[in-house]
Amino acid sequence: MIKVGAYEAKTQFSALLEKVERGEEVLITRHGKPVARLTKAQTASLEEIDDAIARILERRKDCSIGPGGWKAARDRGRKY
């Protein structure tokens, strides 16, 4: 893992992105303390996206609120 300060990361951002594209990780520090990490983005396949959508839609079936029910649900969540 490459460690760079915030100023260096700012001035060398394009070069750091190229390193990240090649699979390296970059840890950005400020005053010697870690504040951010650059890693290669992970892409999902169409199959993974379809599976995620199916899971969301399945869960949505269990969360139906009838007419006017949303107001009662809202009021139950209010503390004051």
PDB file of N, CA and C in Angstrom:
ATOM      1  N   MET A   1       0.854  -1.171   0.000  1.00  0.00           N
ATOM      2  CA  MET A   1       0.000   0.000   0.000  1.00  0.00           C
ATOM      3  C   MET A   1       0.900   1.235   0.000  1.00  0.00           C
ATOM      4  N   ILE A   2       0.528   2.184  -0.818  1.00  0.00           N
ATOM      5  CA  ILE A   2       1.265   3.438  -0.931  1.00  0.00           C
ATOM      6  C   ILE A   2       0.667   4.432   0.065  1.00  0.00           C
ATOM      7  N   LYS A   3       1.516   5.135   0.820  1.00  0.00           N
ATOM      8  CA  LYS A   3       1.062   6.179   1.740  1.00  0.00           C
ATOM      9  C   LYS A   3       1.495   7.531   1.193  1.00  0.00           C
ATOM     10  N   VAL A   4       0.544   8.453   1.088  1.00  0.00           N
ATOM     11  CA  VAL A   4       0.868   9.807   0.631  1.00  0.00           C
ATOM     12  C   VAL A   4       0.123  10.822   1.489  1.00  0.00           C
ATOM     13  N   GLY A   5       0.712  11.988   1.617  1.00  0.00           N
ATOM     14  CA  GLY A   5       0.051  13.074   2.320  1.00  0.00           C
ATOM     15  C   GLY A   5      -1.020  13.702   1.446  1.00  0.00           C
ATOM     16  N   ALA A   6      -1.903  14.459   2.069  1.00  0.00           N
ATOM     17  CA  ALA A   6      -3.022  15.066   1.346  1.00  0.00           C
ATOM     18  C   ALA A   6      -2.540  15.997   0.235  1.00  0.00           C
ATOM     19  N   TYR A   7      -1.524  16.794   0.508  1.00  0.00           N
ATOM     20  CA  TYR A   7      -1.028  17.724  -0.512  1.00  0.00           C
ATOM     21  C   TYR A   7      -0.458  16.961  -1.703  1.00  0.00           C
ATOM     22  N   GLU A   8       0.336  15.924  -1.420  1.00  0.00           N
ATOM     23  CA  GLU A   8       0.902  15.125  -2.514  1.00  0.00           C
ATOM     24  C   GLU A   8      -0.205  14.431  -3.305  1.00  0.00           C
ATOM     25  N   ALA A   9      -1.220  13.937  -2.604  1.00  0.00           N
ATOM     26  CA  ALA A   9      -2.340  13.287  -3.293  1.00  0.00           C
ATOM     27  C   ALA A   9      -3.027  14.274  -4.234  1.00  0.00           C
ATOM     28  N   LYS A  10      -3.160  15.513  -3.777  1.00  0.00           N
ATOM     29  CA  LYS A  10      -3.797  16.543  -4.603  1.00  0.00           C
ATOM     30  C   LYS A  10      -2.968  16.828  -5.852  1.00  0.00           C
ATOM     31  N   THR A  11      -1.671  16.953  -5.682  1.00  0.00           N
ATOM     32  CA  THR A  11      -0.828  17.330  -6.818  1.00  0.00           C
ATOM     33  C   THR A  11      -0.524  16.163  -7.747  1.00  0.00           C
ATOM     34  N   GLN A  12      -0.600  14.940  -7.240  1.00  0.00           N
ATOM     35  CA  GLN A  12      -0.266  13.754  -8.036  1.00  0.00           C
ATOM     36  C   GLN A  12      -1.479  12.859  -8.272  1.00  0.00           C
ATOM     37  N   PHE A  13      -2.672  13.442  -8.252  1.00  0.00           N
ATOM     38  CA  PHE A  13      -3.896  12.639  -8.295  1.00  0.00           C
ATOM     39  C   PHE A  13      -3.978  11.735  -9.522  1.00  0.00           C
ATOM     40  N   SER A  14      -3.655  12.242 -10.686  1.00  0.00           N
ATOM     41  CA  SER A  14      -3.738  11.428 -11.907  1.00  0.00           C
ATOM     42  C   SER A  14      -2.808  10.227 -11.834  1.00  0.00           C
ATOM     43  N   ALA A  15      -1.599  10.439 -11.354  1.00  0.00           N
ATOM     44  CA  ALA A  15      -0.640   9.335 -11.236  1.00  0.00           C
ATOM     45  C   ALA A  15      -1.123   8.312 -10.215  1.00  0.00           C
ATOM     46  N   LEU A  16      -1.719   8.782  -9.126  1.00  0.00           N
ATOM     47  CA  LEU A  16      -2.246   7.861  -8.118  1.00  0.00           C
ATOM     48  C   LEU A  16      -3.401   7.041  -8.687  1.00  0.00           C
ATOM     49  N   LEU A  17      -4.259   7.680  -9.479  1.00  0.00           N
ATOM     50  CA  LEU A  17      -5.366   6.940 -10.096  1.00  0.00           C
ATOM     51  C   LEU A  17      -4.852   5.843 -11.025  1.00  0.00           C
ATOM     52  N   GLU A  18      -3.793   6.124 -11.744  1.00  0.00           N
ATOM     53  CA  GLU A  18      -3.209   5.099 -12.616  1.00  0.00           C
ATOM     54  C   GLU A  18      -2.715   3.915 -11.795  1.00  0.00           C
ATOM     55  N   LYS A  19      -2.095   4.186 -10.655  1.00  0.00           N
ATOM     56  CA  LYS A  19      -1.623   3.105  -9.791  1.00  0.00           C
ATOM     57  C   LYS A  19      -2.798   2.289  -9.254  1.00  0.00           C
ATOM     58  N   VAL A  20      -3.871   2.981  -8.890  1.00  0.00           N
ATOM     59  CA  VAL A  20      -5.062   2.292  -8.387  1.00  0.00           C
ATOM     60  C   VAL A  20      -5.669   1.424  -9.482  1.00  0.00           C
ATOM     61  N   GLU A  21      -5.688   1.917 -10.714  1.00  0.00           N
ATOM     62  CA  GLU A  21      -6.205   1.117 -11.837  1.00  0.00           C
ATOM     63  C   GLU A  21      -5.412  -0.172 -12.011  1.00  0.00           C
ATOM     64  N   ARG A  22      -4.126  -0.139 -11.667  1.00  0.00           N
ATOM     65  CA  ARG A  22      -3.276  -1.326 -11.779  1.00  0.00           C
ATOM     66  C   ARG A  22      -3.416  -2.246 -10.573  1.00  0.00           C
ATOM     67  N   GLY A  23      -4.249  -1.860  -9.614  1.00  0.00           N
ATOM     68  CA  GLY A  23      -4.517  -2.738  -8.481  1.00  0.00           C
ATOM     69  C   GLY A  23      -3.868  -2.334  -7.168  1.00  0.00           C
ATOM     70  N   GLU A  24      -3.085  -1.273  -7.154  1.00  0.00           N
ATOM     71  CA  GLU A  24      -2.460  -0.836  -5.909  1.00  0.00           C
ATOM     72  C   GLU A  24      -3.466  -0.044  -5.076  1.00  0.00           C
ATOM     73  N   GLU A  25      -3.261  -0.020  -3.766  1.00  0.00           N
ATOM     74  CA  GLU A  25      -4.077   0.792  -2.875  1.00  0.00           C
ATOM     75  C   GLU A  25      -3.261   1.989  -2.430  1.00  0.00           C
ATOM     76  N   VAL A  26      -3.947   3.108  -2.227  1.00  0.00           N
ATOM     77  CA  VAL A  26      -3.280   4.331  -1.798  1.00  0.00           C
ATOM     78  C   VAL A  26      -3.951   4.811  -0.517  1.00  0.00           C
ATOM     79  N   LEU A  27      -3.151   5.016   0.510  1.00  0.00           N
ATOM     80  CA  LEU A  27      -3.643   5.554   1.774  1.00  0.00           C
ATOM     81  C   LEU A  27      -3.255   7.027   1.827  1.00  0.00           C
ATOM     82  N   ILE A  28      -4.247   7.886   2.003  1.00  0.00           N
ATOM     83  CA  ILE A  28      -4.004   9.326   2.064  1.00  0.00           C
ATOM     84  C   ILE A  28      -4.039   9.752   3.528  1.00  0.00           C
ATOM     85  N   THR A  29      -3.008  10.481   3.933  1.00  0.00           N
ATOM     86  CA  THR A  29      -2.907  10.916   5.321  1.00  0.00           C
ATOM     87  C   THR A  29      -2.944  12.434   5.410  1.00  0.00           C
ATOM     88  N   ARG A  30      -3.340  12.908   6.574  1.00  0.00           N
ATOM     89  CA  ARG A  30      -3.272  14.339   6.883  1.00  0.00           C
ATOM     90  C   ARG A  30      -2.592  14.444   8.243  1.00  0.00           C
ATOM     91  N   HIS A  31      -1.481  15.126   8.269  1.00  0.00           N
ATOM     92  CA  HIS A  31      -0.678  15.255   9.486  1.00  0.00           C
ATOM     93  C   HIS A  31      -0.322  13.877  10.042  1.00  0.00           C
ATOM     94  N   GLY A  32      -0.038  12.936   9.138  1.00  0.00           N
ATOM     95  CA  GLY A  32       0.390  11.597   9.528  1.00  0.00           C
ATOM     96  C   GLY A  32      -0.722  10.643   9.909  1.00  0.00           C
ATOM     97  N   LYS A  33      -1.963  11.106   9.921  1.00  0.00           N
ATOM     98  CA  LYS A  33      -3.091  10.248  10.296  1.00  0.00           C
ATOM     99  C   LYS A  33      -3.876   9.861   9.049  1.00  0.00           C
ATOM    100  N   PRO A  34      -4.230   8.578   8.909  1.00  0.00           N
ATOM    101  CA  PRO A  34      -4.996   8.137   7.738  1.00  0.00           C
ATOM    102  C   PRO A  34      -6.369   8.810   7.686  1.00  0.00           C
ATOM    103  N   VAL A  35      -6.726   9.314   6.499  1.00  0.00           N
ATOM    104  CA  VAL A  35      -8.045   9.937   6.331  1.00  0.00           C
ATOM    105  C   VAL A  35      -8.842   9.348   5.171  1.00  0.00           C
ATOM    106  N   ALA A  36      -8.167   8.707   4.218  1.00  0.00           N
ATOM    107  CA  ALA A  36      -8.887   8.139   3.072  1.00  0.00           C
ATOM    108  C   ALA A  36      -8.045   7.040   2.443  1.00  0.00           C
ATOM    109  N   ARG A  37      -8.736   6.144   1.738  1.00  0.00           N
ATOM    110  CA  ARG A  37      -8.057   5.079   1.014  1.00  0.00           C
ATOM    111  C   ARG A  37      -8.631   5.007  -0.392  1.00  0.00           C
ATOM    112  N   LEU A  38      -7.757   4.990  -1.380  1.00  0.00           N
ATOM    113  CA  LEU A  38      -8.178   4.813  -2.767  1.00  0.00           C
ATOM    114  C   LEU A  38      -7.979   3.351  -3.131  1.00  0.00           C
ATOM    115  N   THR A  39      -9.035   2.720  -3.608  1.00  0.00           N
ATOM    116  CA  THR A  39      -8.955   1.334  -4.061  1.00  0.00           C
ATOM    117  C   THR A  39      -9.669   1.217  -5.393  1.00  0.00           C
ATOM    118  N   LYS A  40      -9.362   0.171  -6.112  1.00  0.00           N
ATOM    119  CA  LYS A  40      -9.991  -0.052  -7.407  1.00  0.00           C
ATOM    120  C   LYS A  40     -11.483  -0.322  -7.208  1.00  0.00           C
ATOM    121  N   ALA A  41     -12.296   0.312  -8.017  1.00  0.00           N
ATOM    122  CA  ALA A  41     -13.745   0.130  -7.929  1.00  0.00           C
ATOM    123  C   ALA A  41     -14.117  -1.275  -8.380  1.00  0.00           C
ATOM    124  N   GLN A  42     -15.080  -1.847  -7.687  1.00  0.00           N
ATOM    125  CA  GLN A  42     -15.572  -3.165  -8.067  1.00  0.00           C
ATOM    126  C   GLN A  42     -16.845  -2.985  -8.876  1.00  0.00           C
ATOM    127  N   THR A  43     -16.924  -3.697  -9.970  1.00  0.00           N
ATOM    128  CA  THR A  43     -18.119  -3.611 -10.801  1.00  0.00           C
ATOM    129  C   THR A  43     -18.947  -4.872 -10.618  1.00  0.00           C
ATOM    130  N   ALA A  44     -20.241  -4.707 -10.663  1.00  0.00           N
ATOM    131  CA  ALA A  44     -21.147  -5.835 -10.511  1.00  0.00           C
ATOM    132  C   ALA A  44     -21.590  -6.319 -11.886  1.00  0.00           C
ATOM    133  N   SER A  45     -21.781  -7.619 -11.987  1.00  0.00           N
ATOM    134  CA  SER A  45     -22.276  -8.179 -13.240  1.00  0.00           C
ATOM    135  C   SER A  45     -23.778  -7.926 -13.342  1.00  0.00           C
ATOM    136  N   LEU A  46     -24.314  -8.064 -14.526  1.00  0.00           N
ATOM    137  CA  LEU A  46     -25.760  -7.887 -14.704  1.00  0.00           C
ATOM    138  C   LEU A  46     -26.535  -8.890 -13.869  1.00  0.00           C
ATOM    139  N   GLU A  47     -26.003 -10.086 -13.724  1.00  0.00           N
ATOM    140  CA  GLU A  47     -26.671 -11.111 -12.911  1.00  0.00           C
ATOM    141  C   GLU A  47     -26.734 -10.671 -11.445  1.00  0.00           C
ATOM    142  N   GLU A  48     -25.648 -10.101 -10.930  1.00  0.00           N
ATOM    143  CA  GLU A  48     -25.638  -9.630  -9.546  1.00  0.00           C
ATOM    144  C   GLU A  48     -26.615  -8.478  -9.353  1.00  0.00           C
ATOM    145  N   ILE A  49     -26.698  -7.605 -10.334  1.00  0.00           N
ATOM    146  CA  ILE A  49     -27.634  -6.484 -10.259  1.00  0.00           C
ATOM    147  C   ILE A  49     -29.069  -6.993 -10.279  1.00  0.00           C
ATOM    148  N   ASP A  50     -29.371  -7.936 -11.161  1.00  0.00           N
ATOM    149  CA  ASP A  50     -30.715  -8.515 -11.228  1.00  0.00           C
ATOM    150  C   ASP A  50     -31.084  -9.199  -9.917  1.00  0.00           C
ATOM    151  N   ASP A  51     -30.134  -9.919  -9.315  1.00  0.00           N
ATOM    152  CA  ASP A  51     -30.387 -10.581  -8.031  1.00  0.00           C
ATOM    153  C   ASP A  51     -30.690  -9.558  -6.941  1.00  0.00           C
ATOM    154  N   ALA A  52     -29.938  -8.466  -6.913  1.00  0.00           N
ATOM    155  CA  ALA A  52     -30.159  -7.425  -5.906  1.00  0.00           C
ATOM    156  C   ALA A  52     -31.536  -6.792  -6.076  1.00  0.00           C
ATOM    157  N   ILE A  53     -31.929  -6.516  -7.302  1.00  0.00           N
ATOM    158  CA  ILE A  53     -33.249  -5.940  -7.564  1.00  0.00           C
ATOM    159  C   ILE A  53     -34.345  -6.901  -7.129  1.00  0.00           C
ATOM    160  N   ALA A  54     -34.170  -8.177  -7.420  1.00  0.00           N
ATOM    161  CA  ALA A  54     -35.167  -9.178  -7.023  1.00  0.00           C
ATOM    162  C   ALA A  54     -35.304  -9.231  -5.503  1.00  0.00           C
ATOM    163  N   ARG A  55     -34.184  -9.155  -4.774  1.00  0.00           N
ATOM    164  CA  ARG A  55     -34.244  -9.172  -3.307  1.00  0.00           C
ATOM    165  C   ARG A  55     -34.959  -7.935  -2.773  1.00  0.00           C
ATOM    166  N   ILE A  56     -34.698  -6.786  -3.372  1.00  0.00           N
ATOM    167  CA  ILE A  56     -35.363  -5.550  -2.939  1.00  0.00           C
ATOM    168  C   ILE A  56     -36.865  -5.647  -3.172  1.00  0.00           C
ATOM    169  N   LEU A  57     -37.259  -6.117  -4.348  1.00  0.00           N
ATOM    170  CA  LEU A  57     -38.686  -6.234  -4.653  1.00  0.00           C
ATOM    171  C   LEU A  57     -39.366  -7.247  -3.745  1.00  0.00           C
ATOM    172  N   GLU A  58     -38.680  -8.317  -3.394  1.00  0.00           N
ATOM    173  CA  GLU A  58     -39.245  -9.329  -2.492  1.00  0.00           C
ATOM    174  C   GLU A  58     -39.464  -8.736  -1.101  1.00  0.00           C
ATOM    175  N   ARG A  59     -38.518  -7.981  -0.616  1.00  0.00           N
ATOM    176  CA  ARG A  59     -38.668  -7.352   0.702  1.00  0.00           C
ATOM    177  C   ARG A  59     -39.767  -6.304   0.691  1.00  0.00           C
ATOM    178  N   ARG A  60     -39.931  -5.657  -0.434  1.00  0.00           N
ATOM    179  CA  ARG A  60     -40.935  -4.608  -0.551  1.00  0.00           C
ATOM    180  C   ARG A  60     -42.343  -5.170  -0.363  1.00  0.00           C
ATOM    181  N   LYS A  61     -42.553  -6.415  -0.761  1.00  0.00           N
ATOM    182  CA  LYS A  61     -43.867  -7.045  -0.610  1.00  0.00           C
ATOM    183  C   LYS A  61     -44.274  -7.117   0.855  1.00  0.00           C
ATOM    184  N   ASP A  62     -43.292  -7.290   1.749  1.00  0.00           N
ATOM    185  CA  ASP A  62     -43.572  -7.421   3.176  1.00  0.00           C
ATOM    186  C   ASP A  62     -43.812  -6.079   3.858  1.00  0.00           C
ATOM    187  N   CYS A  63     -43.612  -4.988   3.160  1.00  0.00           N
ATOM    188  CA  CYS A  63     -43.695  -3.660   3.770  1.00  0.00           C
ATOM    189  C   CYS A  63     -44.892  -2.867   3.280  1.00  0.00           C
ATOM    190  N   SER A  64     -45.952  -3.543   2.936  1.00  0.00           N
ATOM    191  CA  SER A  64     -47.097  -2.802   2.411  1.00  0.00           C
ATOM    192  C   SER A  64     -47.852  -2.117   3.546  1.00  0.00           C
ATOM    193  N   ILE A  65     -48.237  -0.883   3.303  1.00  0.00           N
ATOM    194  CA  ILE A  65     -49.024  -0.111   4.256  1.00  0.00           C
ATOM    195  C   ILE A  65     -50.315   0.258   3.548  1.00  0.00           C
ATOM    196  N   GLY A  66     -51.419  -0.046   4.183  1.00  0.00           N
ATOM    197  CA  GLY A  66     -52.715   0.225   3.583  1.00  0.00           C
ATOM    198  C   GLY A  66     -53.014   1.712   3.514  1.00  0.00           C
ATOM    199  N   PRO A  67     -54.175   2.051   2.930  1.00  0.00           N
ATOM    200  CA  PRO A  67     -54.564   3.456   2.804  1.00  0.00           C
ATOM    201  C   PRO A  67     -54.594   4.135   4.172  1.00  0.00           C
ATOM    202  N   GLY A  68     -53.924   5.258   4.284  1.00  0.00           N
ATOM    203  CA  GLY A  68     -53.885   5.986   5.553  1.00  0.00           C
ATOM    204  C   GLY A  68     -52.921   5.399   6.564  1.00  0.00           C
ATOM    205  N   GLY A  69     -52.419   4.223   6.277  1.00  0.00           N
ATOM    206  CA  GLY A  69     -51.518   3.563   7.215  1.00  0.00           C
ATOM    207  C   GLY A  69     -50.191   4.265   7.363  1.00  0.00           C
ATOM    208  N   TRP A  70     -49.792   4.997   6.355  1.00  0.00           N
ATOM    209  CA  TRP A  70     -48.504   5.687   6.438  1.00  0.00           C
ATOM    210  C   TRP A  70     -48.534   6.780   7.487  1.00  0.00           C
ATOM    211  N   LYS A  71     -49.709   7.401   7.684  1.00  0.00           N
ATOM    212  CA  LYS A  71     -49.807   8.447   8.706  1.00  0.00           C
ATOM    213  C   LYS A  71     -49.646   7.846  10.101  1.00  0.00           C
ATOM    214  N   ALA A  72     -50.273   6.707  10.322  1.00  0.00           N
ATOM    215  CA  ALA A  72     -50.143   6.039  11.618  1.00  0.00           C
ATOM    216  C   ALA A  72     -48.701   5.597  11.844  1.00  0.00           C
ATOM    217  N   ALA A  73     -48.072   5.076  10.799  1.00  0.00           N
ATOM    218  CA  ALA A  73     -46.676   4.658  10.913  1.00  0.00           C
ATOM    219  C   ALA A  73     -45.791   5.862  11.214  1.00  0.00           C
ATOM    220  N   ARG A  74     -46.052   6.975  10.554  1.00  0.00           N
ATOM    221  CA  ARG A  74     -45.290   8.200  10.802  1.00  0.00           C
ATOM    222  C   ARG A  74     -45.472   8.660  12.238  1.00  0.00           C
ATOM    223  N   ASP A  75     -46.719   8.660  12.703  1.00  0.00           N
ATOM    224  CA  ASP A  75     -47.002   9.143  14.054  1.00  0.00           C
ATOM    225  C   ASP A  75     -46.386   8.240  15.118  1.00  0.00           C
ATOM    226  N   ARG A  76     -46.319   6.936  14.866  1.00  0.00           N
ATOM    227  CA  ARG A  76     -45.670   6.024  15.815  1.00  0.00           C
ATOM    228  C   ARG A  76     -44.185   6.330  15.932  1.00  0.00           C
ATOM    229  N   GLY A  77     -43.599   6.824  14.865  1.00  0.00           N
ATOM    230  CA  GLY A  77     -42.175   7.133  14.874  1.00  0.00           C
ATOM    231  C   GLY A  77     -41.839   8.474  15.499  1.00  0.00           C
ATOM    232  N   ARG A  78     -42.836   9.299  15.727  1.00  0.00           N
ATOM    233  CA  ARG A  78     -42.597  10.624  16.315  1.00  0.00           C
ATOM    234  C   ARG A  78     -42.455  10.502  17.825  1.00  0.00           C
ATOM    235  N   LYS A  79     -41.521  11.241  18.358  1.00  0.00           N
ATOM    236  CA  LYS A  79     -41.320  11.225  19.807  1.00  0.00           C
ATOM    237  C   LYS A  79     -42.033  12.389  20.475  1.00  0.00           C
ATOM    238  N   TYR A  80     -42.272  13.465  19.741  1.00  0.00           N
ATOM    239  CA  TYR A  80     -42.868  14.656  20.342  1.00  0.00           C
ATOM    240  C   TYR A  80     -44.039  15.125  19.536  1.00  0.00           C
TER     241      TYR A  80
END
